[in-house]
Amino acid sequence: MAFVIEDSVEIAAPAEVVWKVLTDFDDYGQWNPFVPACATTLEPGSPIDMQVRLGPRERAQREYIRTCTPGTEFSYGMKPVPLGALHSLRSHTLTPLDATRTRYTSHFELGGWLRGVVTGPMGKALHSGFGGMTAALKTRAEQLA
């Protein structure tokens, strides 16, 4: 059974504005408390390099883009650890509700028999980090709308 964190929020901004905030990786440091630095081309198979803040610590993390539908979604994950020991999936999905409102859904899952080694010591920080990014995305997009 995978460790899953899923969050969804309605944002009072058009999907185009939310997408711009979510994919303007150069500006992450201005609004994103969980991933203050990020770089990627969003091309499937390409790396996504992030600085991830887990509680008081910050660490570099490289994962790989799996999917990207411009304006709608992108997802990425770590290179799976052999023998099914550990694998991840992170996705960001936008659903336009009308011309001025968008539903943002954040999904993270970590699976494999080593998941407890990661989620035990970092589970609380992961919940806080993903929730903080969702709330900050809402605030930033609504400010720009």
N, C-alpha and C. Protein backbone atom coordinates (compact mmCIF):
# COMPACT_ATOMS: atom_id res chain seq x y z
N MET A 1 0.84 -1.19 0.00
CA MET A 1 0.00 0.00 0.00
C MET A 1 0.89 1.25 0.00
N ALA A 2 0.59 2.14 -0.88
CA ALA A 2 1.39 3.36 -1.04
C ALA A 2 1.05 4.39 0.02
N PHE A 3 2.00 5.24 0.31
CA PHE A 3 1.81 6.43 1.13
C PHE A 3 1.33 7.51 0.18
N VAL A 4 0.14 8.09 0.45
CA VAL A 4 -0.46 9.05 -0.48
C VAL A 4 -0.81 10.34 0.25
N ILE A 5 -0.49 11.46 -0.40
CA ILE A 5 -0.92 12.78 0.06
C ILE A 5 -1.63 13.42 -1.13
N GLU A 6 -2.90 13.74 -0.95
CA GLU A 6 -3.65 14.38 -2.02
C GLU A 6 -4.38 15.58 -1.44
N ASP A 7 -4.33 16.67 -2.18
CA ASP A 7 -4.95 17.90 -1.74
C ASP A 7 -5.56 18.58 -2.96
N SER A 8 -6.67 19.24 -2.74
CA SER A 8 -7.35 19.94 -3.82
C SER A 8 -7.87 21.26 -3.28
N VAL A 9 -7.80 22.31 -4.11
CA VAL A 9 -8.25 23.62 -3.67
C VAL A 9 -8.85 24.36 -4.86
N GLU A 10 -9.88 25.14 -4.59
CA GLU A 10 -10.44 26.01 -5.61
C GLU A 10 -9.71 27.33 -5.56
N ILE A 11 -9.26 27.80 -6.72
CA ILE A 11 -8.49 29.04 -6.83
C ILE A 11 -9.30 30.04 -7.64
N ALA A 12 -9.45 31.24 -7.11
CA ALA A 12 -10.19 32.31 -7.80
C ALA A 12 -9.29 32.98 -8.82
N ALA A 13 -8.94 32.20 -9.84
CA ALA A 13 -8.10 32.68 -10.94
C ALA A 13 -8.32 31.77 -12.13
N PRO A 14 -8.20 32.30 -13.34
CA PRO A 14 -8.33 31.47 -14.53
C PRO A 14 -7.22 30.40 -14.58
N ALA A 15 -7.51 29.29 -15.22
CA ALA A 15 -6.53 28.20 -15.33
C ALA A 15 -5.22 28.67 -15.95
N GLU A 16 -5.29 29.60 -16.90
CA GLU A 16 -4.08 30.09 -17.55
C GLU A 16 -3.15 30.79 -16.54
N VAL A 17 -3.73 31.51 -15.61
CA VAL A 17 -2.93 32.19 -14.58
C VAL A 17 -2.31 31.17 -13.63
N VAL A 18 -3.09 30.20 -13.20
CA VAL A 18 -2.58 29.17 -12.29
C VAL A 18 -1.46 28.38 -12.97
N TRP A 19 -1.66 28.03 -14.23
CA TRP A 19 -0.63 27.29 -14.97
C TRP A 19 0.65 28.11 -15.06
N LYS A 20 0.52 29.40 -15.33
CA LYS A 20 1.71 30.26 -15.43
C LYS A 20 2.48 30.29 -14.12
N VAL A 21 1.78 30.42 -13.01
CA VAL A 21 2.45 30.41 -11.70
C VAL A 21 3.11 29.06 -11.46
N LEU A 22 2.39 27.99 -11.71
CA LEU A 22 2.88 26.64 -11.44
C LEU A 22 4.09 26.27 -12.29
N THR A 23 4.19 26.83 -13.50
CA THR A 23 5.29 26.45 -14.39
C THR A 23 6.34 27.55 -14.56
N ASP A 24 6.23 28.64 -13.84
CA ASP A 24 7.27 29.67 -13.86
C ASP A 24 8.29 29.30 -12.77
N PHE A 25 9.10 28.32 -13.08
CA PHE A 25 10.01 27.74 -12.09
C PHE A 25 11.03 28.74 -11.57
N ASP A 26 11.40 29.73 -12.39
CA ASP A 26 12.35 30.74 -11.94
C ASP A 26 11.81 31.56 -10.77
N ASP A 27 10.50 31.65 -10.63
CA ASP A 27 9.89 32.44 -9.56
C ASP A 27 9.49 31.63 -8.32
N TYR A 28 9.77 30.35 -8.30
CA TYR A 28 9.36 29.52 -7.15
C TYR A 28 9.85 30.10 -5.83
N GLY A 29 11.04 30.65 -5.80
CA GLY A 29 11.59 31.20 -4.56
C GLY A 29 10.79 32.36 -4.00
N GLN A 30 9.97 33.01 -4.84
CA GLN A 30 9.16 34.13 -4.39
C GLN A 30 7.89 33.71 -3.67
N TRP A 31 7.42 32.47 -3.90
CA TRP A 31 6.13 32.11 -3.32
C TRP A 31 6.05 30.68 -2.76
N ASN A 32 6.94 29.81 -3.16
CA ASN A 32 6.80 28.39 -2.82
C ASN A 32 7.63 28.01 -1.59
N PRO A 33 6.98 27.76 -0.45
CA PRO A 33 7.73 27.44 0.77
C PRO A 33 8.30 26.02 0.78
N PHE A 34 7.79 25.15 -0.07
CA PHE A 34 8.21 23.74 -0.08
C PHE A 34 9.32 23.48 -1.10
N VAL A 35 9.20 24.08 -2.28
CA VAL A 35 10.19 23.91 -3.34
C VAL A 35 10.65 25.31 -3.75
N PRO A 36 11.61 25.88 -3.02
CA PRO A 36 12.02 27.26 -3.30
C PRO A 36 12.86 27.44 -4.56
N ALA A 37 13.30 26.34 -5.16
CA ALA A 37 14.04 26.41 -6.41
C ALA A 37 13.72 25.18 -7.25
N CYS A 38 13.53 25.40 -8.55
CA CYS A 38 13.15 24.31 -9.44
C CYS A 38 13.55 24.65 -10.86
N ALA A 39 13.96 23.64 -11.63
CA ALA A 39 14.30 23.85 -13.03
C ALA A 39 13.94 22.59 -13.82
N THR A 40 13.25 22.78 -14.94
CA THR A 40 12.91 21.68 -15.85
C THR A 40 12.41 22.26 -17.16
N THR A 41 12.43 21.44 -18.19
CA THR A 41 11.85 21.83 -19.48
C THR A 41 10.42 21.30 -19.62
N LEU A 42 9.99 20.44 -18.71
CA LEU A 42 8.70 19.77 -18.73
C LEU A 42 8.57 18.74 -19.86
N GLU A 43 9.64 18.45 -20.56
CA GLU A 43 9.59 17.42 -21.60
C GLU A 43 9.65 16.05 -20.94
N PRO A 44 8.71 15.14 -21.29
CA PRO A 44 8.75 13.80 -20.71
C PRO A 44 10.13 13.16 -20.88
N GLY A 45 10.62 12.60 -19.77
CA GLY A 45 11.94 11.99 -19.74
C GLY A 45 13.03 12.92 -19.26
N SER A 46 12.78 14.23 -19.29
CA SER A 46 13.80 15.19 -18.86
C SER A 46 13.80 15.32 -17.34
N PRO A 47 14.92 15.76 -16.77
CA PRO A 47 14.98 15.92 -15.32
C PRO A 47 14.19 17.13 -14.83
N ILE A 48 13.80 17.04 -13.59
CA ILE A 48 13.27 18.18 -12.85
C ILE A 48 14.15 18.26 -11.60
N ASP A 49 14.92 19.33 -11.50
CA ASP A 49 15.84 19.52 -10.38
C ASP A 49 15.22 20.49 -9.40
N MET A 50 15.14 20.08 -8.14
CA MET A 50 14.45 20.87 -7.12
C MET A 50 15.29 21.00 -5.86
N GLN A 51 15.08 22.10 -5.17
CA GLN A 51 15.51 22.24 -3.79
C GLN A 51 14.23 22.04 -2.99
N VAL A 52 14.21 21.05 -2.13
CA VAL A 52 13.01 20.72 -1.37
C VAL A 52 13.28 21.02 0.10
N ARG A 53 12.37 21.77 0.71
CA ARG A 53 12.49 22.13 2.12
C ARG A 53 11.61 21.20 2.93
N LEU A 54 12.25 20.36 3.72
CA LEU A 54 11.55 19.44 4.62
C LEU A 54 11.86 19.86 6.05
N GLY A 55 10.93 20.61 6.64
CA GLY A 55 11.16 21.15 7.97
C GLY A 55 12.31 22.15 7.90
N PRO A 56 13.27 22.03 8.80
CA PRO A 56 14.37 22.99 8.81
C PRO A 56 15.46 22.69 7.77
N ARG A 57 15.38 21.51 7.15
CA ARG A 57 16.42 21.11 6.20
C ARG A 57 15.98 21.34 4.76
N GLU A 58 16.94 21.63 3.91
CA GLU A 58 16.70 21.78 2.48
C GLU A 58 17.65 20.83 1.76
N ARG A 59 17.13 20.14 0.75
CA ARG A 59 17.97 19.19 0.03
C ARG A 59 17.69 19.24 -1.46
N ALA A 60 18.71 18.94 -2.23
CA ALA A 60 18.57 18.86 -3.69
C ALA A 60 17.92 17.54 -4.04
N GLN A 61 17.05 17.58 -5.02
CA GLN A 61 16.37 16.37 -5.47
C GLN A 61 16.21 16.40 -6.97
N ARG A 62 16.54 15.32 -7.62
CA ARG A 62 16.34 15.19 -9.07
C ARG A 62 15.35 14.06 -9.32
N GLU A 63 14.30 14.40 -10.06
CA GLU A 63 13.33 13.41 -10.50
C GLU A 63 13.17 13.59 -12.00
N TYR A 64 12.21 12.87 -12.60
CA TYR A 64 12.09 12.89 -14.06
C TYR A 64 10.64 13.09 -14.48
N ILE A 65 10.45 13.97 -15.45
CA ILE A 65 9.11 14.28 -15.96
C ILE A 65 8.53 13.03 -16.61
N ARG A 66 7.31 12.70 -16.23
CA ARG A 66 6.60 11.57 -16.84
C ARG A 66 5.61 12.04 -17.89
N THR A 67 4.78 13.04 -17.53
CA THR A 67 3.76 13.53 -18.46
C THR A 67 3.68 15.04 -18.38
N CYS A 68 3.24 15.63 -19.46
CA CYS A 68 2.94 17.06 -19.46
C CYS A 68 1.91 17.34 -20.54
N THR A 69 0.77 17.86 -20.12
CA THR A 69 -0.26 18.35 -21.01
C THR A 69 -0.35 19.84 -20.72
N PRO A 70 0.28 20.68 -21.56
CA PRO A 70 0.34 22.11 -21.26
C PRO A 70 -1.03 22.71 -20.93
N GLY A 71 -1.04 23.48 -19.84
CA GLY A 71 -2.27 24.12 -19.39
C GLY A 71 -3.14 23.24 -18.51
N THR A 72 -2.82 21.95 -18.42
CA THR A 72 -3.68 21.02 -17.69
C THR A 72 -2.97 20.24 -16.58
N GLU A 73 -1.82 19.62 -16.90
CA GLU A 73 -1.17 18.78 -15.89
C GLU A 73 0.28 18.52 -16.23
N PHE A 74 1.05 18.20 -15.19
CA PHE A 74 2.35 17.58 -15.38
C PHE A 74 2.63 16.68 -14.19
N SER A 75 3.44 15.66 -14.43
CA SER A 75 3.77 14.72 -13.36
C SER A 75 5.23 14.30 -13.49
N TYR A 76 5.77 13.83 -12.39
CA TYR A 76 7.15 13.38 -12.37
C TYR A 76 7.34 12.37 -11.25
N GLY A 77 8.46 11.69 -11.29
CA GLY A 77 8.78 10.72 -10.25
C GLY A 77 10.26 10.43 -10.21
N MET A 78 10.65 9.77 -9.15
CA MET A 78 12.05 9.38 -8.99
C MET A 78 12.34 8.18 -9.89
N LYS A 79 13.60 7.94 -10.16
CA LYS A 79 13.96 6.69 -10.81
C LYS A 79 13.66 5.59 -9.81
N PRO A 80 12.89 4.59 -10.20
CA PRO A 80 12.55 3.53 -9.24
C PRO A 80 13.81 2.83 -8.73
N VAL A 81 13.79 2.50 -7.45
CA VAL A 81 14.88 1.73 -6.84
C VAL A 81 14.65 0.27 -7.23
N PRO A 82 15.71 -0.46 -7.57
CA PRO A 82 15.55 -1.86 -8.01
C PRO A 82 14.77 -2.72 -7.01
N LEU A 83 14.20 -3.78 -7.55
CA LEU A 83 13.44 -4.79 -6.81
C LEU A 83 12.17 -4.22 -6.18
N GLY A 84 11.66 -3.13 -6.75
CA GLY A 84 10.42 -2.54 -6.24
C GLY A 84 10.56 -1.92 -4.87
N ALA A 85 11.79 -1.57 -4.48
CA ALA A 85 12.04 -1.06 -3.14
C ALA A 85 11.40 0.30 -2.90
N LEU A 86 11.43 1.19 -3.91
CA LEU A 86 10.90 2.53 -3.72
C LEU A 86 10.60 3.17 -5.08
N HIS A 87 9.44 3.79 -5.18
CA HIS A 87 9.06 4.52 -6.39
C HIS A 87 8.11 5.63 -5.98
N SER A 88 8.06 6.70 -6.80
CA SER A 88 7.21 7.83 -6.45
C SER A 88 6.49 8.37 -7.68
N LEU A 89 5.43 9.13 -7.40
CA LEU A 89 4.71 9.86 -8.43
C LEU A 89 4.20 11.15 -7.80
N ARG A 90 4.44 12.26 -8.48
CA ARG A 90 3.95 13.57 -8.05
C ARG A 90 3.24 14.17 -9.25
N SER A 91 2.00 14.64 -9.06
CA SER A 91 1.29 15.27 -10.17
C SER A 91 0.61 16.55 -9.71
N HIS A 92 0.49 17.45 -10.68
CA HIS A 92 -0.19 18.73 -10.52
C HIS A 92 -1.25 18.76 -11.62
N THR A 93 -2.52 18.94 -11.27
CA THR A 93 -3.59 18.93 -12.26
C THR A 93 -4.49 20.15 -12.07
N LEU A 94 -4.80 20.81 -13.19
CA LEU A 94 -5.70 21.97 -13.19
C LEU A 94 -6.99 21.60 -13.91
N THR A 95 -8.12 21.98 -13.28
CA THR A 95 -9.42 21.79 -13.90
C THR A 95 -10.14 23.13 -13.89
N PRO A 96 -10.36 23.72 -15.08
CA PRO A 96 -11.11 24.99 -15.11
C PRO A 96 -12.54 24.75 -14.64
N LEU A 97 -13.02 25.59 -13.72
CA LEU A 97 -14.39 25.50 -13.24
C LEU A 97 -15.29 26.46 -14.00
N ASP A 98 -14.73 27.60 -14.36
CA ASP A 98 -15.37 28.57 -15.24
C ASP A 98 -14.26 29.53 -15.67
N ALA A 99 -14.60 30.66 -16.23
CA ALA A 99 -13.58 31.57 -16.77
C ALA A 99 -12.69 32.19 -15.70
N THR A 100 -13.12 32.18 -14.44
CA THR A 100 -12.36 32.84 -13.38
C THR A 100 -11.99 31.95 -12.20
N ARG A 101 -12.31 30.65 -12.28
CA ARG A 101 -12.02 29.74 -11.16
C ARG A 101 -11.42 28.43 -11.68
N THR A 102 -10.48 27.91 -10.90
CA THR A 102 -9.76 26.70 -11.27
C THR A 102 -9.64 25.79 -10.05
N ARG A 103 -9.79 24.49 -10.27
CA ARG A 103 -9.51 23.51 -9.21
C ARG A 103 -8.09 23.01 -9.45
N TYR A 104 -7.26 23.12 -8.42
CA TYR A 104 -5.89 22.58 -8.45
C TYR A 104 -5.87 21.34 -7.59
N THR A 105 -5.34 20.24 -8.14
CA THR A 105 -5.21 18.99 -7.39
C THR A 105 -3.74 18.60 -7.35
N SER A 106 -3.25 18.40 -6.16
CA SER A 106 -1.88 17.97 -5.90
C SER A 106 -1.93 16.51 -5.45
N HIS A 107 -1.12 15.67 -6.07
CA HIS A 107 -1.10 14.25 -5.71
C HIS A 107 0.35 13.81 -5.55
N PHE A 108 0.62 13.07 -4.48
CA PHE A 108 1.94 12.49 -4.25
C PHE A 108 1.74 11.09 -3.71
N GLU A 109 2.50 10.18 -4.27
CA GLU A 109 2.48 8.82 -3.70
C GLU A 109 3.88 8.25 -3.70
N LEU A 110 4.14 7.49 -2.66
CA LEU A 110 5.42 6.83 -2.49
C LEU A 110 5.12 5.38 -2.18
N GLY A 111 5.66 4.49 -2.99
CA GLY A 111 5.38 3.07 -2.80
C GLY A 111 6.66 2.26 -2.75
N GLY A 112 6.50 0.99 -2.47
CA GLY A 112 7.63 0.07 -2.38
C GLY A 112 7.88 -0.31 -0.93
N TRP A 113 8.60 -1.38 -0.76
CA TRP A 113 8.79 -1.91 0.58
C TRP A 113 9.70 -1.06 1.46
N LEU A 114 10.41 -0.08 0.88
CA LEU A 114 11.22 0.83 1.68
C LEU A 114 10.51 2.14 2.02
N ARG A 115 9.25 2.30 1.63
CA ARG A 115 8.57 3.58 1.83
C ARG A 115 8.56 4.03 3.29
N GLY A 116 8.44 3.08 4.21
CA GLY A 116 8.43 3.42 5.64
C GLY A 116 9.72 4.06 6.12
N VAL A 117 10.83 3.73 5.47
CA VAL A 117 12.12 4.33 5.84
C VAL A 117 12.09 5.83 5.54
N VAL A 118 11.35 6.21 4.50
CA VAL A 118 11.23 7.63 4.12
C VAL A 118 10.09 8.29 4.88
N THR A 119 8.92 7.66 4.89
CA THR A 119 7.74 8.31 5.47
C THR A 119 7.75 8.33 6.99
N GLY A 120 8.44 7.40 7.61
CA GLY A 120 8.51 7.42 9.07
C GLY A 120 9.10 8.71 9.59
N PRO A 121 10.34 9.02 9.22
CA PRO A 121 10.95 10.25 9.73
C PRO A 121 10.50 11.52 9.02
N MET A 122 9.97 11.40 7.79
CA MET A 122 9.66 12.61 7.02
C MET A 122 8.18 12.78 6.69
N GLY A 123 7.32 11.88 7.15
CA GLY A 123 5.90 11.95 6.81
C GLY A 123 5.24 13.25 7.19
N LYS A 124 5.47 13.72 8.40
CA LYS A 124 4.86 14.97 8.86
C LYS A 124 5.36 16.16 8.03
N ALA A 125 6.66 16.20 7.75
CA ALA A 125 7.22 17.29 6.95
C ALA A 125 6.70 17.24 5.52
N LEU A 126 6.49 16.05 4.96
CA LEU A 126 5.93 15.92 3.62
C LEU A 126 4.50 16.47 3.57
N HIS A 127 3.68 16.09 4.55
CA HIS A 127 2.31 16.62 4.61
C HIS A 127 2.32 18.14 4.70
N SER A 128 3.15 18.66 5.56
CA SER A 128 3.25 20.11 5.74
C SER A 128 3.74 20.79 4.47
N GLY A 129 4.75 20.22 3.82
CA GLY A 129 5.31 20.80 2.62
C GLY A 129 4.33 20.84 1.46
N PHE A 130 3.67 19.73 1.18
CA PHE A 130 2.71 19.70 0.08
C PHE A 130 1.53 20.63 0.36
N GLY A 131 1.05 20.63 1.60
CA GLY A 131 -0.05 21.54 1.97
C GLY A 131 0.35 22.99 1.86
N GLY A 132 1.58 23.30 2.27
CA GLY A 132 2.07 24.67 2.17
C GLY A 132 2.20 25.15 0.74
N MET A 133 2.64 24.25 -0.14
CA MET A 133 2.75 24.63 -1.55
C MET A 133 1.37 24.87 -2.16
N THR A 134 0.41 24.03 -1.84
CA THR A 134 -0.95 24.19 -2.36
C THR A 134 -1.54 25.54 -1.93
N ALA A 135 -1.41 25.85 -0.65
CA ALA A 135 -1.93 27.12 -0.13
C ALA A 135 -1.22 28.32 -0.76
N ALA A 136 0.09 28.21 -0.93
CA ALA A 136 0.86 29.32 -1.50
C ALA A 136 0.54 29.51 -2.99
N LEU A 137 0.30 28.42 -3.71
CA LEU A 137 -0.09 28.53 -5.12
C LEU A 137 -1.41 29.28 -5.24
N LYS A 138 -2.35 28.94 -4.38
CA LYS A 138 -3.66 29.63 -4.38
C LYS A 138 -3.46 31.13 -4.14
N THR A 139 -2.70 31.47 -3.12
CA THR A 139 -2.47 32.88 -2.79
C THR A 139 -1.80 33.62 -3.95
N ARG A 140 -0.75 33.03 -4.50
CA ARG A 140 0.01 33.68 -5.57
C ARG A 140 -0.86 33.88 -6.83
N ALA A 141 -1.58 32.84 -7.24
CA ALA A 141 -2.42 32.93 -8.45
C ALA A 141 -3.53 33.95 -8.26
N GLU A 142 -4.13 33.99 -7.08
CA GLU A 142 -5.21 34.95 -6.83
C GLU A 142 -4.68 36.38 -6.81
N GLN A 143 -3.46 36.58 -6.33
CA GLN A 143 -2.85 37.91 -6.35
C GLN A 143 -2.62 38.38 -7.78
N LEU A 144 -2.25 37.47 -8.66
CA LEU A 144 -1.94 37.82 -10.04
C LEU A 144 -3.18 37.92 -10.93
N ALA A 145 -4.29 37.35 -10.47
CA ALA A 145 -5.51 37.30 -11.33
C ALA A 145 -6.15 38.65 -11.48
